[in-house]
Each structure stands twice: as C-alpha cells, then as structure tokens.
C-alpha atoms as a PDB file:
ATOM      1  CA  MET A   1      95.497 129.450 114.371  1.00  0.00           C
ATOM      2  CA  THR A   2      97.432 131.027 117.208  1.00  0.00           C
ATOM      3  CA  ASN A   3     100.947 130.083 118.316  1.00  0.00           C
ATOM      4  CA  GLY A   4     100.957 126.819 116.351  1.00  0.00           C
ATOM      5  CA  THR A   5      97.698 125.520 117.834  1.00  0.00           C
ATOM      6  CA  MET A   6      94.410 125.165 116.044  1.00  0.00           C
ATOM      7  CA  ARG A   7      91.188 126.298 117.631  1.00  0.00           C
ATOM      8  CA  VAL A   8      88.360 123.803 117.267  1.00  0.00           C
ATOM      9  CA  GLU A   9      84.845 125.021 117.836  1.00  0.00           C
ATOM     10  CA  GLN A  10      82.797 123.055 120.306  1.00  0.00           C
ATOM     11  CA  ILE A  11      79.707 121.352 118.891  1.00  0.00           C
ATOM     12  CA  LEU A  12      76.885 121.874 121.319  1.00  0.00           C
ATOM     13  CA  ARG A  13      74.264 119.378 122.408  1.00  0.00           C
ATOM     14  CA  ASP A  14      70.706 119.965 123.551  1.00  0.00           C
ATOM     15  CA  HIS A  15      69.370 119.054 127.002  1.00  0.00           C
ATOM     16  CA  ARG A  16      68.832 115.417 125.846  1.00  0.00           C
ATOM     17  CA  GLY A  17      72.400 115.008 124.587  1.00  0.00           C
ATOM     18  CA  ARG A  18      71.538 115.169 120.869  1.00  0.00           C
ATOM     19  CA  TRP A  19      73.787 117.120 118.543  1.00  0.00           C
ATOM     20  CA  LEU A  20      72.539 120.586 117.575  1.00  0.00           C
ATOM     21  CA  VAL A  21      74.776 120.732 114.502  1.00  0.00           C
ATOM     22  CA  SER A  22      75.531 117.833 112.192  1.00  0.00           C
ATOM     23  CA  GLY A  23      79.104 116.512 112.151  1.00  0.00           C
ATOM     24  CA  ASN A  24      78.917 116.652 108.376  1.00  0.00           C
ATOM     25  CA  PRO A  25      77.475 120.058 107.519  1.00  0.00           C
ATOM     26  CA  GLY A  26      77.839 119.463 103.777  1.00  0.00           C
ATOM     27  CA  GLY A  27      75.815 116.280 104.071  1.00  0.00           C
ATOM     28  CA  ARG A  28      76.393 112.963 102.408  1.00  0.00           C
ATOM     29  CA  PRO A  29      76.494 113.020  98.606  1.00  0.00           C
ATOM     30  CA  ARG A  30      73.357 111.733  96.936  1.00  0.00           C
ATOM     31  CA  GLY A  31      73.466 107.961  96.436  1.00  0.00           C
ATOM     32  CA  ALA A  32      76.407 107.379  98.797  1.00  0.00           C
ATOM     33  CA  LYS A  33      76.067 104.508 101.235  1.00  0.00           C
ATOM     34  CA  ASN A  34      78.282 103.234 103.987  1.00  0.00           C
ATOM     35  CA  LYS A  35      78.932  99.796 102.557  1.00  0.00           C
ATOM     36  CA  GLN A  36      81.710  97.988 100.795  1.00  0.00           C
ATOM     37  CA  HIS A  37      81.024  97.075  97.222  1.00  0.00           C
ATOM     38  CA  ARG A  38      81.153  93.354  96.562  1.00  0.00           C
ATOM     39  CA  ARG A  39      83.641  92.448  93.891  1.00  0.00           C
ATOM     40  CA  ALA A  40      82.698  89.361  91.976  1.00  0.00           C
ATOM     41  CA  ASP A  41      85.091  86.426  92.496  1.00  0.00           C
ATOM     42  CA  ASP A  42      86.714  87.950  95.602  1.00  0.00           C
ATOM     43  CA  PRO A  43      88.438  84.906  97.200  1.00  0.00           C
ATOM     44  CA  GLU A  44      87.966  86.351 100.707  1.00  0.00           C
ATOM     45  CA  ARG A  45      84.201  85.891 100.301  1.00  0.00           C
ATOM     46  CA  ALA A  46      84.393  82.565  98.450  1.00  0.00           C
ATOM     47  CA  ALA A  47      82.345  80.705 101.063  1.00  0.00           C
ATOM     48  CA  ARG A  48      79.291  82.750 100.013  1.00  0.00           C
ATOM     49  CA  TRP A  49      79.852  82.629  96.258  1.00  0.00           C
ATOM     50  CA  SER A  50      77.018  81.932  93.876  1.00  0.00           C
ATOM     51  CA  ARG A  51      77.222  79.991  90.636  1.00  0.00           C
ATOM     52  CA  ARG A  52      77.864  83.287  88.833  1.00  0.00           C
ATOM     53  CA  ASP A  53      80.818  84.134  91.113  1.00  0.00           C
ATOM     54  CA  TRP A  54      82.437  80.749  90.454  1.00  0.00           C
ATOM     55  CA  GLY A  55      82.022  81.340  86.715  1.00  0.00           C
ATOM     56  CA  VAL A  56      83.644  84.762  86.969  1.00  0.00           C
ATOM     57  CA  PHE A  57      86.531  83.263  88.966  1.00  0.00           C
ATOM     58  CA  TYR A  58      87.027  80.510  86.362  1.00  0.00           C
ATOM     59  CA  ARG A  59      86.977  82.997  83.456  1.00  0.00           C
ATOM     60  CA  ARG A  60      89.455  85.288  85.207  1.00  0.00           C
ATOM     61  CA  MET A  61      91.822  82.385  85.870  1.00  0.00           C
ATOM     62  CA  PHE A  62      91.404  81.269  82.243  1.00  0.00           C
ATOM     63  CA  ARG A  63      92.336  84.753  80.970  1.00  0.00           C
ATOM     64  CA  GLU A  64      95.380  85.022  83.245  1.00  0.00           C
ATOM     65  CA  ALA A  65      96.791  81.569  82.380  1.00  0.00           C
ATOM     66  CA  GLU A  66      99.395  81.109  79.658  1.00  0.00           C
ATOM     67  CA  GLY A  67      99.334  78.571  76.849  1.00  0.00           C
ATOM     68  CA  ASP A  68      96.767  77.249  74.415  1.00  0.00           C
ATOM     69  CA  ALA A  69      93.077  76.746  75.251  1.00  0.00           C
ATOM     70  CA  GLY A  70      93.613  73.296  76.792  1.00  0.00           C
ATOM     71  CA  GLN A  71      96.398  74.508  79.072  1.00  0.00           C
ATOM     72  CA  LYS A  72      94.403  77.587  80.089  1.00  0.00           C
ATOM     73  CA  HIS A  73      91.373  75.424  80.901  1.00  0.00           C
ATOM     74  CA  ALA A  74      93.504  73.030  82.962  1.00  0.00           C
ATOM     75  CA  ALA A  75      95.083  75.918  84.905  1.00  0.00           C
ATOM     76  CA  ALA A  76      91.710  77.572  85.594  1.00  0.00           C
ATOM     77  CA  VAL A  77      90.115  74.289  86.682  1.00  0.00           C
ATOM     78  CA  SER A  78      93.040  73.472  88.977  1.00  0.00           C
ATOM     79  CA  GLU A  79      92.644  76.859  90.696  1.00  0.00           C
ATOM     80  CA  ALA A  80      88.903  76.250  91.117  1.00  0.00           C
ATOM     81  CA  VAL A  81      89.520  72.724  92.447  1.00  0.00           C
ATOM     82  CA  ALA A  82      92.123  73.968  94.937  1.00  0.00           C
ATOM     83  CA  LEU A  83      89.795  76.683  96.218  1.00  0.00           C
ATOM     84  CA  TRP A  84      86.824  74.318  96.473  1.00  0.00           C
ATOM     85  CA  LEU A  85      88.908  71.782  98.418  1.00  0.00           C
ATOM     86  CA  LEU A  86      90.007  74.491 100.865  1.00  0.00           C
ATOM     87  CA  LEU A  87      86.429  75.600 101.419  1.00  0.00           C
ATOM     88  CA  ASN A  88      85.095  72.051 101.845  1.00  0.00           C
ATOM     89  CA  PRO A  89      87.350  70.049 104.164  1.00  0.00           C
ATOM     90  CA  PRO A  90      86.598  66.335 104.534  1.00  0.00           C
ATOM     91  CA  PRO A  91      84.590  65.274 107.582  1.00  0.00           C
ATOM     92  CA  GLN A  92      86.837  63.762 110.256  1.00  0.00           C
ATOM     93  CA  ARG A  93      86.179  62.328 113.681  1.00  0.00           C
ATOM     94  CA  PRO A  94      89.137  62.245 116.092  1.00  0.00           C
ATOM     95  CA  GLY A  95      91.065  58.980 116.051  1.00  0.00           C
ATOM     96  CA  VAL A  96      89.031  57.484 113.214  1.00  0.00           C
ATOM     97  CA  CYS A  97      89.879  57.039 109.528  1.00  0.00           C
ATOM     98  CA  ALA A  98      87.984  59.538 107.360  1.00  0.00           C
ATOM     99  CA  GLN A  99      87.349  56.838 104.736  1.00  0.00           C
ATOM    100  CA  CYS A 100      86.501  53.588 106.550  1.00  0.00           C
ATOM    101  CA  ALA A 101      85.615  54.985 110.026  1.00  0.00           C
ATOM    102  CA  LYS A 102      87.847  52.424 111.786  1.00  0.00           C
ATOM    103  CA  PRO A 103      90.344  53.383 114.520  1.00  0.00           C
ATOM    104  CA  LEU A 104      93.614  54.780 113.208  1.00  0.00           C
ATOM    105  CA  ASP A 105      95.997  53.384 115.831  1.00  0.00           C
ATOM    106  CA  VAL A 106      95.304  49.708 116.278  1.00  0.00           C
ATOM    107  CA  PRO A 107      97.752  47.495 118.144  1.00  0.00           C
ATOM    108  CA  ARG A 108     100.170  45.662 115.841  1.00  0.00           C
ATOM    109  CA  SER A 109      98.918  47.505 112.768  1.00  0.00           C
ATOM    110  CA  SER A 110     100.403  46.614 109.418  1.00  0.00           C
ATOM    111  CA  ILE A 111     101.780  48.964 106.767  1.00  0.00           C
ATOM    112  CA  GLY A 112      98.335  49.199 105.154  1.00  0.00           C
ATOM    113  CA  ASP A 113      96.846  50.413 108.443  1.00  0.00           C
ATOM    114  CA  ALA A 114      99.462  53.094 109.106  1.00  0.00           C
ATOM    115  CA  PRO A 115      97.799  56.524 109.355  1.00  0.00           C
ATOM    116  CA  VAL A 116      98.680  59.184 106.804  1.00  0.00           C
ATOM    117  CA  ARG A 117      97.411  62.757 106.516  1.00  0.00           C
ATOM    118  CA  ALA A 118      95.802  63.587 103.177  1.00  0.00           C
ATOM    119  CA  ASP A 119      93.769  66.647 102.242  1.00  0.00           C
ATOM    120  CA  GLY A 120      93.494  67.695 105.886  1.00  0.00           C
ATOM    121  CA  ALA A 121      92.234  64.358 107.230  1.00  0.00           C
ATOM    122  CA  TRP A 122      93.831  61.238 108.668  1.00  0.00           C
ATOM    123  CA  VAL A 123      93.261  58.013 106.743  1.00  0.00           C
ATOM    124  CA  HIS A 124      94.786  54.538 106.660  1.00  0.00           C
ATOM    125  CA  TRP A 125      97.488  54.040 104.034  1.00  0.00           C
ATOM    126  CA  GLY A 126      95.334  51.358 102.419  1.00  0.00           C
ATOM    127  CA  CYS A 127      92.279  53.670 102.366  1.00  0.00           C
ATOM    128  CA  LEU A 128      94.191  56.536 100.742  1.00  0.00           C
ATOM    129  CA  PRO A 129      93.408  55.753  97.067  1.00  0.00           C
ATOM    130  CA  TRP A 130      89.669  55.432  97.763  1.00  0.00           C
ATOM    131  CA  PHE A 131      89.630  58.547  99.937  1.00  0.00           C
ATOM    132  CA  LEU A 132      91.342  60.648  97.258  1.00  0.00           C
ATOM    133  CA  ARG A 133      89.098  59.209  94.559  1.00  0.00           C
ATOM    134  CA  ASP A 134      85.981  60.075  96.586  1.00  0.00           C
ATOM    135  CA  ARG A 135      87.279  63.601  97.231  1.00  0.00           C
ATOM    136  CA  TRP A 136      87.997  64.068  93.518  1.00  0.00           C
ATOM    137  CA  GLY A 137      84.527  62.793  92.610  1.00  0.00           C
ATOM    138  CA  ALA A 138      82.851  65.147  95.096  1.00  0.00           C
ATOM    139  CA  THR A 139      84.920  68.091  93.863  1.00  0.00           C
ATOM    140  CA  LYS A 140      84.218  67.317  90.218  1.00  0.00           C
ATOM    141  CA  ALA A 141      80.461  66.968  90.819  1.00  0.00           C
ATOM    142  CA  ALA A 142      80.281  70.182  92.866  1.00  0.00           C
ATOM    143  CA  LEU A 143      82.176  72.243  90.293  1.00  0.00           C
ATOM    144  CA  GLN A 144      80.064  70.838  87.458  1.00  0.00           C
ATOM    145  CA  ARG A 145      76.933  71.910  89.383  1.00  0.00           C
ATOM    146  CA  LEU A 146      78.541  75.359  89.575  1.00  0.00           C
ATOM    147  CA  GLY A 147      79.036  75.442  85.803  1.00  0.00           C
ATOM    148  CA  ILE A 148      82.740  74.559  85.586  1.00  0.00           C
ATOM    149  CA  ALA A 149      83.433  71.566  83.333  1.00  0.00           C
ATOM    150  CA  VAL A 150      86.102  69.490  85.080  1.00  0.00           C
ATOM    151  CA  GLY A 151      88.002  66.995  82.960  1.00  0.00           C
ATOM    152  CA  GLU A 152      86.644  68.295  79.658  1.00  0.00           C
ATOM    153  CA  ILE A 153      87.662  70.924  77.143  1.00  0.00           C
END
C-alpha cells in the first residue's frame, strides 16, 4: 500500500483469453456447491411443494399456534387453506360468471344477478353460495390428498 492506494496485481491471460491463474487460488472447499439449499415449507416455493412439504408446513403452523389441540389444528388448517387458495385461483373468463358462465352485466339485471367479487373472481350474487361451496370442496379435497385432514381432529 502506497499513499493510501492499494496495488492490485494484474491476472494475465493466455493468447486465447483464458486465465493463467485461478481467481480463487485456495480453491473451493470440498463438497461446496453454488446452490441455495431448499428449506422445507418455504412459502416462496409453495407452488412446487410436494406432499411432504405441505405436511411440514402444517406441523410448523400447528406448533406455532396457541390453544388446545383442536384450536391448534384449526389454526394450522386455516393457514394451509389460505395458502392453497392463493396458489389456485378460480378459473375466470372476462365478463362471465365464474360459477354459471352467464354474462355478468345483463340489461335490467335483478339483485340476484348483480356481480360481486369473491375469492378473486366475479360471480352473480345468487351464484355466490354455490361458488364458495365449490371452492371449499375443491380446497378440502386437495388438502386431504396432500395429507392434511380438513374439518376433522
């Protein structure tokens, strides 16, 4: 070091442009790889979760919840349901009810035909109970296939 500046040695290249000296003279430690380790139940990677990952997520939520076993189960299941619903939005075509597939804005529509947004999709007010029931049924079936008992203790 001279006058507050550091001298950096130039790394030379051969006539083809390849490095003559490695940038890491000590080498990489044995077993080290340039990859991120996958943490089980990482919500950022939830779209690619396996059945095992969903189970780990449920157990972690169960441990972190307060209350007796029934309350812990309900809290863990509600977290799993919320995450599953976010990852699986309902199919929706523009201008059409997601439940009955009829147009949303019909002339002189009644109160039952007024569009309302539910779970990320537009449905008729009269179709809302059936739409939510179908979404709950699909969520319950999917989580039970993943090993999470919904609605049971």
